[in-house]
Protein backbone atom coordinates (compact mmCIF):
# COMPACT_ATOMS: atom_id res chain seq x y z
CA UNK A 1 32.43 5.10 0.25
CA UNK A 2 30.21 4.06 3.06
CA UNK A 3 28.86 0.96 1.63
CA UNK A 4 29.59 -1.18 -1.38
CA UNK A 5 27.31 -4.23 -2.48
CA UNK A 6 29.49 -6.26 -4.85
CA UNK A 7 28.44 -8.96 -7.32
CA UNK A 8 24.64 -7.96 -7.49
CA UNK A 9 22.27 -9.35 -9.96
CA UNK A 10 20.45 -6.46 -11.35
CA UNK A 11 16.88 -6.49 -12.95
CA UNK A 12 17.04 -6.37 -16.80
CA UNK A 13 20.91 -6.32 -16.65
CA UNK A 14 23.44 -8.86 -17.64
CA UNK A 15 26.60 -9.83 -15.68
CA UNK A 16 27.13 -8.82 -12.00
CA UNK A 17 27.40 -5.29 -10.70
CA UNK A 18 28.99 -3.46 -7.64
CA UNK A 19 26.76 -0.75 -5.88
CA UNK A 20 28.64 2.05 -4.17
CA UNK A 21 26.77 3.98 -1.35
CA UNK A 22 27.75 7.22 0.12
CA UNK A 23 25.77 9.35 2.44
CA UNK A 24 22.65 7.42 2.06
CA UNK A 25 22.65 7.88 -1.73
CA UNK A 26 23.58 5.43 -4.55
CA UNK A 27 27.05 6.87 -5.56
CA UNK A 28 28.00 4.65 -8.26
CA UNK A 29 26.90 1.45 -10.29
CA UNK A 30 29.62 -0.43 -12.17
CA UNK A 31 30.77 -3.84 -13.19
CA UNK A 32 33.52 -3.27 -10.76
CA UNK A 33 34.33 -0.65 -8.46
CA UNK A 34 37.86 -0.11 -7.39
CA UNK A 35 36.97 2.02 -4.34
CA UNK A 36 36.81 0.40 -0.88
CA UNK A 37 34.27 1.05 1.73
CA UNK A 38 33.77 0.93 5.53
CA UNK A 39 31.28 -1.90 4.78
CA UNK A 40 31.19 -4.25 1.95
CA UNK A 41 28.36 -6.98 1.25
CA UNK A 42 28.78 -9.75 -1.26
CA UNK A 43 25.46 -10.50 -2.96
CA UNK A 44 26.86 -13.67 -4.54
CA UNK A 45 24.92 -13.05 -7.76
CA UNK A 46 21.52 -12.68 -5.85
CA UNK A 47 18.77 -10.32 -7.12
CA UNK A 48 19.18 -6.75 -5.80
CA UNK A 49 16.28 -4.31 -6.18
CA UNK A 50 14.81 -1.34 -4.65
CA UNK A 51 13.19 -1.90 -1.46
CA UNK A 52 9.53 -2.54 -1.35
CA UNK A 53 6.67 -0.09 -0.73
CA UNK A 54 3.32 -1.02 0.53
CA UNK A 55 0.98 1.90 -0.33
CA UNK A 56 -2.03 0.63 1.36
CA UNK A 57 -2.38 -0.54 4.85
CA UNK A 58 -4.08 0.26 8.06
CA UNK A 59 -1.54 0.16 11.00
CA UNK A 60 -4.14 1.58 13.58
CA UNK A 61 -6.05 -1.75 13.02
CA UNK A 62 -3.67 -4.48 12.89
CA UNK A 63 -3.38 -7.18 15.35
CA UNK A 64 -6.82 -7.00 16.84
CA UNK A 65 -8.53 -10.16 15.67
CA UNK A 66 -7.87 -12.07 18.86
CA UNK A 67 -9.25 -9.49 20.99
CA UNK A 68 -12.71 -8.90 19.30
CA UNK A 69 -15.52 -11.11 18.45
CA UNK A 70 -15.30 -13.22 15.05
CA UNK A 71 -16.63 -11.78 11.98
CA UNK A 72 -19.45 -14.45 11.55
CA UNK A 73 -20.68 -13.01 8.27
CA UNK A 74 -17.19 -12.36 6.79
CA UNK A 75 -18.48 -8.99 5.41
CA UNK A 76 -17.04 -5.50 5.11
CA UNK A 77 -20.21 -4.11 7.12
CA UNK A 78 -19.60 -6.45 9.84
CA UNK A 79 -15.85 -6.14 10.07
CA UNK A 80 -16.43 -2.16 10.61
CA UNK A 81 -19.02 -2.66 13.18
CA UNK A 82 -16.95 -5.01 15.35
CA UNK A 83 -14.35 -2.58 15.54
CA UNK A 84 -16.44 0.21 17.10
CA UNK A 85 -15.95 -0.88 20.66
CA UNK A 86 -12.28 -1.51 20.31
CA UNK A 87 -11.73 1.64 18.58
CA UNK A 88 -13.46 3.51 21.44
CA UNK A 89 -10.99 1.94 23.77
CA UNK A 90 -7.70 2.33 21.87
CA UNK A 91 -4.62 3.56 23.73
CA UNK A 92 -1.58 5.20 22.46
CA UNK A 93 0.63 2.24 23.93
CA UNK A 94 -1.68 -0.28 22.38
CA UNK A 95 -1.47 1.10 18.89
CA UNK A 96 2.27 1.63 19.04
CA UNK A 97 2.55 -1.93 20.05
CA UNK A 98 0.49 -3.44 17.45
CA UNK A 99 1.65 -1.16 14.37
CA UNK A 100 5.18 -1.53 15.60
CA UNK A 101 4.85 -5.26 15.30
CA UNK A 102 3.92 -5.04 11.80
CA UNK A 103 6.45 -2.28 10.68
CA UNK A 104 9.28 -4.67 12.02
CA UNK A 105 7.84 -7.53 10.05
CA UNK A 106 7.58 -5.36 7.06
CA UNK A 107 11.45 -4.47 7.28
CA UNK A 108 12.38 -7.93 7.71
CA UNK A 109 10.34 -8.56 4.63
CA UNK A 110 12.16 -5.78 2.64
CA UNK A 111 9.52 -2.86 2.90
CA UNK A 112 10.85 0.30 3.99
CA UNK A 113 7.96 2.62 3.08
CA UNK A 114 4.37 2.39 4.20
CA UNK A 115 1.29 4.53 3.45
CA UNK A 116 -1.24 4.07 5.92
CA UNK A 117 -4.96 5.04 6.47
CA UNK A 118 -5.88 5.84 9.93
CA UNK A 119 -9.56 6.11 11.08
CA UNK A 120 -10.92 9.69 11.78
CA UNK A 121 -14.42 9.67 13.31
CA UNK A 122 -16.33 10.30 16.32
CA UNK A 123 -15.89 6.95 17.77
CA UNK A 124 -12.21 6.96 18.20
CA UNK A 125 -11.64 10.59 17.63
CA UNK A 126 -7.89 11.28 17.04
CA UNK A 127 -6.55 8.77 19.13
CA UNK A 128 -5.77 6.28 16.27
CA UNK A 129 -3.99 9.08 14.42
CA UNK A 130 -2.11 10.01 17.59
CA UNK A 131 -1.03 6.48 18.02
CA UNK A 132 0.15 5.95 14.54
CA UNK A 133 2.04 9.04 14.45
CA UNK A 134 3.94 7.99 17.68
CA UNK A 135 4.65 4.66 15.97
CA UNK A 136 6.04 6.55 12.99
CA UNK A 137 8.24 8.52 15.09
CA UNK A 138 9.58 5.54 17.05
CA UNK A 139 10.36 3.56 13.99
CA UNK A 140 11.39 6.43 11.69
CA UNK A 141 15.11 5.12 11.42
CA UNK A 142 13.74 1.59 9.72
CA UNK A 143 10.48 2.81 8.08
CA UNK A 144 9.16 5.77 6.28
CA UNK A 145 5.36 6.27 7.23
CA UNK A 146 2.74 8.56 5.40
CA UNK A 147 -0.67 8.89 7.08
CA UNK A 148 -3.82 9.42 5.63
CA UNK A 149 -6.89 10.82 7.54
CA UNK A 150 -9.56 8.20 6.89
CA UNK A 151 -13.26 8.91 7.34
CA UNK A 152 -14.43 5.19 7.27
CA UNK A 153 -17.78 5.91 9.14
CA UNK A 154 -18.49 8.44 6.46
CA UNK A 155 -18.59 12.35 6.97
CA UNK A 156 -22.04 13.45 6.49
CA UNK A 157 -23.77 10.40 8.31
CA UNK A 158 -21.03 10.79 11.14
CA UNK A 159 -21.61 14.50 12.28
CA UNK A 160 -18.52 15.88 13.88
CA UNK A 161 -16.30 13.96 11.45
CA UNK A 162 -15.77 16.81 9.22
CA UNK A 163 -14.18 18.93 11.88
CA UNK A 164 -11.89 15.93 13.10
CA UNK A 165 -10.77 15.81 9.39
CA UNK A 166 -9.48 19.31 9.61
CA UNK A 167 -7.99 18.71 13.00
CA UNK A 168 -6.26 15.57 11.79
CA UNK A 169 -4.34 17.46 9.14
CA UNK A 170 -3.35 19.93 11.84
CA UNK A 171 -1.99 17.24 13.77
CA UNK A 172 0.20 15.99 11.24
CA UNK A 173 -1.88 13.73 8.84
CA UNK A 174 -0.37 14.19 5.38
CA UNK A 175 -2.93 12.85 2.99
CA UNK A 176 -6.67 13.20 2.99
CA UNK A 177 -8.66 10.10 2.83
CA UNK A 178 -12.35 9.36 1.99
CA UNK A 179 -14.81 6.71 1.66
CA UNK A 180 -17.65 8.40 -0.23
CA UNK A 181 -19.68 4.92 -0.82
CA UNK A 182 -20.29 4.86 2.90
CA UNK A 183 -23.01 7.54 3.14
CA UNK A 184 -26.66 7.39 3.10
CA UNK A 185 -27.30 8.79 -0.49
CA UNK A 186 -25.60 9.64 -3.54
CA UNK A 187 -26.01 13.46 -3.02
CA UNK A 188 -24.11 12.88 0.54
CA UNK A 189 -21.46 10.73 -1.33
CA UNK A 190 -20.82 13.83 -3.64
CA UNK A 191 -20.76 16.12 -0.56
CA UNK A 192 -18.34 13.90 0.98
CA UNK A 193 -15.91 14.18 -2.05
CA UNK A 194 -16.02 17.71 -2.04
CA UNK A 195 -15.18 18.05 1.59
CA UNK A 196 -12.18 16.01 1.05
CA UNK A 197 -11.04 18.12 -1.68
CA UNK A 198 -11.71 21.14 0.07
CA UNK A 199 -9.20 19.95 2.83
CA UNK A 200 -6.86 18.82 0.11
CA UNK A 201 -6.98 22.30 -1.46
CA UNK A 202 -6.36 23.94 2.17
CA UNK A 203 -3.49 21.93 3.00
CA UNK A 204 -2.05 21.26 -0.46
CA UNK A 205 -2.18 17.62 0.17
CA UNK A 206 -2.72 14.52 -2.06
CA UNK A 207 -6.11 12.36 -1.78
CA UNK A 208 -6.28 8.78 -1.32
CA UNK A 209 -9.60 7.38 -1.02
CA UNK A 210 -11.59 4.13 -0.42
CA UNK A 211 -13.79 4.04 -3.52
CA UNK A 212 -16.84 1.76 -4.16
CA UNK A 213 -15.50 -1.24 -1.91
CA UNK A 214 -18.70 -3.14 -2.70
CA UNK A 215 -20.13 -5.80 -5.11
CA UNK A 216 -22.95 -3.49 -5.98
CA UNK A 217 -22.80 -1.99 -9.40
CA UNK A 218 -24.92 0.80 -8.44
CA UNK A 219 -22.27 2.35 -6.45
CA UNK A 220 -20.72 4.89 -8.55
CA UNK A 221 -18.52 7.29 -6.61
CA UNK A 222 -15.35 6.45 -8.70
CA UNK A 223 -16.95 8.60 -11.56
CA UNK A 224 -17.48 11.52 -8.74
CA UNK A 225 -14.06 11.38 -7.73
CA UNK A 226 -12.79 11.54 -11.35
CA UNK A 227 -14.91 14.41 -11.88
CA UNK A 228 -13.79 16.31 -8.86
CA UNK A 229 -10.28 15.58 -9.57
CA UNK A 230 -10.35 17.27 -12.97
CA UNK A 231 -12.50 20.03 -11.52
CA UNK A 232 -9.97 20.86 -8.95
CA UNK A 233 -6.98 20.46 -11.10
CA UNK A 234 -5.69 17.62 -8.79
CA UNK A 235 -4.53 15.39 -11.75
CA UNK A 236 -1.77 12.95 -10.64
CA UNK A 237 -2.44 13.63 -6.96
CA UNK A 238 -5.38 11.32 -6.21
CA UNK A 239 -5.59 7.61 -5.52
CA UNK A 240 -8.60 5.32 -5.42
CA UNK A 241 -8.26 2.25 -3.47
CA UNK A 242 -10.35 -0.99 -3.81
CA UNK A 243 -12.70 0.09 -6.45
CA UNK A 244 -14.59 -3.42 -6.40
CA UNK A 245 -17.65 -2.05 -8.06
CA UNK A 246 -15.83 -1.38 -11.09
CA UNK A 247 -15.59 -5.13 -11.62
CA UNK A 248 -19.56 -5.34 -11.20
CA UNK A 249 -20.14 -2.58 -13.94
CA UNK A 250 -21.33 -3.69 -17.34
CA UNK A 251 -18.51 -3.32 -20.00
CA UNK A 252 -19.71 -0.29 -21.51
CA UNK A 253 -19.85 1.88 -18.22
CA UNK A 254 -16.67 0.47 -16.82
CA UNK A 255 -14.93 1.49 -20.11
CA UNK A 256 -16.46 4.91 -19.72
CA UNK A 257 -15.42 5.13 -16.22
CA UNK A 258 -11.70 3.87 -16.93
CA UNK A 259 -11.41 6.66 -19.49
CA UNK A 260 -12.46 9.30 -16.86
CA UNK A 261 -9.89 7.89 -14.58
CA UNK A 262 -7.09 7.81 -17.09
CA UNK A 263 -8.13 11.59 -18.04
CA UNK A 264 -8.08 12.61 -14.35
CA UNK A 265 -4.69 10.85 -13.72
CA UNK A 266 -6.01 8.85 -10.83
CA UNK A 267 -3.80 6.09 -9.58
CA UNK A 268 -5.55 2.82 -8.65
CA UNK A 269 -4.83 0.50 -5.83
CA UNK A 270 -6.35 -3.06 -5.64
CA UNK A 271 -6.24 -5.06 -2.43
CA UNK A 272 -6.87 -8.54 -3.38
CA UNK A 273 -5.96 -10.40 -0.25
CA UNK A 274 -8.66 -8.66 1.52
CA UNK A 275 -11.42 -8.31 -1.18
CA UNK A 276 -11.03 -11.77 -2.19
CA UNK A 277 -12.50 -13.05 1.28
CA UNK A 278 -14.75 -9.90 1.95
CA UNK A 279 -16.52 -9.65 -1.35
CA UNK A 280 -19.08 -11.82 -2.84
CA UNK A 281 -20.14 -13.36 0.43
CA UNK A 282 -23.63 -13.76 -0.22
CA UNK A 283 -23.20 -15.18 -3.71
CA UNK A 284 -23.81 -18.78 -4.71
CA UNK A 285 -21.80 -19.57 -7.88
CA UNK A 286 -20.23 -17.92 -9.62
CA UNK A 287 -18.88 -16.16 -6.69
CA UNK A 288 -17.64 -12.49 -7.50
CA UNK A 289 -13.85 -12.46 -7.07
CA UNK A 290 -13.60 -8.89 -5.33
CA UNK A 291 -10.96 -7.20 -7.35
CA UNK A 292 -10.96 -4.28 -9.81
CA UNK A 293 -10.35 -4.50 -13.51
CA UNK A 294 -6.49 -4.67 -13.14
CA UNK A 295 -5.62 -5.48 -16.74
CA UNK A 296 -8.08 -2.99 -18.49
CA UNK A 297 -6.68 -0.27 -16.12
CA UNK A 298 -3.25 -1.14 -17.03
CA UNK A 299 -4.25 -1.23 -20.88
CA UNK A 300 -5.67 2.20 -20.48
CA UNK A 301 -2.31 3.58 -19.06
CA UNK A 302 -3.40 3.92 -15.57
CA UNK A 303 -0.97 3.37 -12.78
CA UNK A 304 -1.89 0.31 -10.47
CA UNK A 305 -0.40 -1.05 -7.45
CA UNK A 306 -1.70 -3.28 -4.53
CA UNK A 307 -1.43 -3.05 -0.78
CA UNK A 308 -1.19 -5.29 2.19
CA UNK A 309 -4.24 -3.49 3.34
CA UNK A 310 -5.19 -5.62 6.56
CA UNK A 311 -3.20 -7.86 8.81
CA UNK A 312 -5.06 -9.97 11.64
CA UNK A 313 -8.05 -7.48 11.91
CA UNK A 314 -11.97 -8.01 11.52
CA UNK A 315 -11.64 -7.65 7.78
CA UNK A 316 -8.66 -10.14 7.18
CA UNK A 317 -7.48 -12.79 9.83
CA UNK A 318 -3.99 -13.53 7.86
CA UNK A 319 -1.38 -11.16 6.51
CA UNK A 320 2.54 -10.97 7.41
CA UNK A 321 3.54 -7.67 6.10
CA UNK A 322 5.18 -9.39 3.18
CA UNK A 323 4.81 -7.75 -0.17
CA UNK A 324 5.96 -10.50 -2.11
CA UNK A 325 3.25 -12.77 -0.57
CA UNK A 326 0.65 -10.10 -1.59
CA UNK A 327 2.35 -10.01 -4.83
CA UNK A 328 1.69 -13.88 -5.38
CA UNK A 329 -2.08 -13.50 -4.34
CA UNK A 330 -2.46 -10.53 -6.72
CA UNK A 331 -0.91 -12.44 -9.54
CA UNK A 332 -3.39 -15.16 -9.12
CA UNK A 333 -6.45 -13.00 -8.55
CA UNK A 334 -5.71 -10.65 -11.57
CA UNK A 335 -4.50 -13.62 -13.69
CA UNK A 336 -1.16 -12.02 -14.30
CA UNK A 337 0.90 -15.00 -15.24
CA UNK A 338 2.71 -14.12 -18.58
CA UNK A 339 6.35 -13.15 -18.23
CA UNK A 340 5.63 -9.62 -18.95
CA UNK A 341 2.59 -9.68 -16.66
CA UNK A 342 4.78 -11.18 -13.76
CA UNK A 343 7.35 -8.27 -14.21
CA UNK A 344 4.50 -5.89 -13.99
CA UNK A 345 3.39 -7.34 -10.72
CA UNK A 346 6.75 -6.74 -9.23
CA UNK A 347 6.75 -3.03 -10.57
CA UNK A 348 3.53 -2.64 -8.67
CA UNK A 349 5.40 -2.80 -5.43
CA UNK A 350 8.30 -1.18 -6.33
CA UNK A 351 8.68 1.75 -9.19
CA UNK A 352 4.78 1.87 -9.64
CA UNK A 353 4.19 2.43 -5.95
CA UNK A 354 6.85 4.93 -5.90
CA UNK A 355 5.04 6.93 -8.74
CA UNK A 356 1.74 6.84 -6.59
CA UNK A 357 3.63 8.12 -3.51
CA UNK A 358 5.37 10.75 -5.77
CA UNK A 359 8.80 9.73 -4.50
CA UNK A 360 11.43 11.39 -6.70
CA UNK A 361 14.49 9.79 -5.32
CA UNK A 362 13.33 5.99 -5.43
CA UNK A 363 15.04 3.52 -7.57
CA UNK A 364 18.36 1.62 -8.13
CA UNK A 365 19.94 4.25 -10.20
CA UNK A 366 22.99 6.44 -9.28
CA UNK A 367 21.92 9.62 -7.43
CA UNK A 368 18.92 7.83 -5.94
CA UNK A 369 18.28 6.97 -2.07
CA UNK A 370 19.90 3.82 -1.11
CA UNK A 371 16.89 1.69 -0.12
CA UNK A 372 17.69 -1.62 -1.34
CA UNK A 373 16.79 -5.26 -0.73
CA UNK A 374 18.94 -8.34 -1.56
CA UNK A 375 16.80 -11.40 -2.24
CA UNK A 376 17.77 -15.16 -2.11
CA UNK A 377 16.67 -15.38 -5.80
CA UNK A 378 17.95 -14.86 -9.14
CA UNK A 379 14.86 -13.78 -11.11
CA UNK A 380 11.56 -11.84 -10.62
CA UNK A 381 9.60 -14.87 -11.08
CA UNK A 382 11.25 -16.71 -8.58
CA UNK A 383 11.13 -13.83 -6.23
CA UNK A 384 7.33 -13.92 -6.36
CA UNK A 385 6.98 -17.64 -6.50
CA UNK A 386 9.27 -18.63 -3.65
CA UNK A 387 9.11 -15.60 -1.40
CA UNK A 388 12.61 -16.26 -0.50
CA UNK A 389 14.64 -14.78 2.23
CA UNK A 390 15.32 -11.10 2.37
CA UNK A 391 19.14 -11.36 2.79
CA UNK A 392 19.86 -7.66 3.39
CA UNK A 393 17.71 -4.81 3.75
CA UNK A 394 19.26 -1.45 3.58
CA UNK A 395 17.70 1.85 4.11
CA UNK A 396 19.46 5.35 3.78
CA UNK A 397 22.50 3.39 2.88
CA UNK A 398 22.64 1.55 6.31
CA UNK A 399 21.99 -2.26 6.68
CA UNK A 400 18.89 -2.50 8.79
CA UNK A 401 17.89 -6.04 8.60
CA UNK A 402 19.74 -9.34 7.79
CA UNK A 403 17.95 -12.67 7.03
CA UNK A 404 20.75 -14.80 5.98
CA UNK A 405 20.02 -18.25 6.75
CA UNK A 406 20.81 -21.63 5.08
CA UNK A 407 18.31 -24.43 4.44
CA UNK A 408 19.49 -27.91 4.19
CA UNK A 409 17.82 -31.05 3.21
CA UNK A 410 18.80 -34.30 5.09
CA UNK A 411 17.66 -37.56 3.69
């Protein structure tokens, strides 16, 4: 074999296990493998899991907070406006450098796959996508990147954007994005959704939209997206991100929409690290929390995940491309602190995120891709609580990062 991991602690299994890897795939898992390998790693009983997935990030916007003016209101609206000038001056080299920093940080933190939204509009044209595709190709050996053509400025309210969306798919964008709430009227929002599905049908592409990222309960484009998904037969191929307004709906309407989301097979992605700081900015007390109805969606059988979303940009000044850090914030924000809920939070950056990205060969099982991370922890709780070192990060059966270090306390 090419690589054997010995003495690994596997999730939901007793004892320690050896994992044999050959030609980028997991060849065998057993309590002891007699075989030898060109390279062997001793996991020393540490938790060994599939590598993490970030299903929602914006690589074109990362690491710009220090070169643009401050977001003095802290709102989504101002965050979008601040970027306009910077976006008009993007260069390929700048995008590759900024996004490359985040990709490398993500790998060191155990993430080997990202799905990124990339702005497509008449301000930056296709330059953001060109830059992210260049970064995707540059770092393809350590990170798999999927790109979403994202019309953040709207489609109807940004004449010329629709043409660019079609061109973005021709350029290589894999997923059709959308932001239907950022239109001037409900009719325009509906048209926005229809255009996105027209493009998706043409290119046989999945859809991943920003939906109702607002505290306002009168924004109701999630229902429109669900209806269009069913109408087009796109069940299981649509993801709705943020959906903050769902939390602001009255319980009756929220339940009605959640039923539609389930019927449509829509996946949901919440982004607490960003929305906790963006939403409710004009509230006194109680301040709205900005995240969607995670527990109710899960109870309805909807697949839910979360993303880093933003890193050092006008929306969010923090972030370190560490999905365990985001998991800890999500567990707090969604109040998922019971043992089974903590396990589910971990699912959201592993197997559930893989479902959303429709990955067939993901998982720590024989025959699956050998994308693995060994954590300096013994339990899922400690992995989230302590955010420990990622001792080894493996992609395609090759060790791509080592973070072995020793912490000592001297008294």
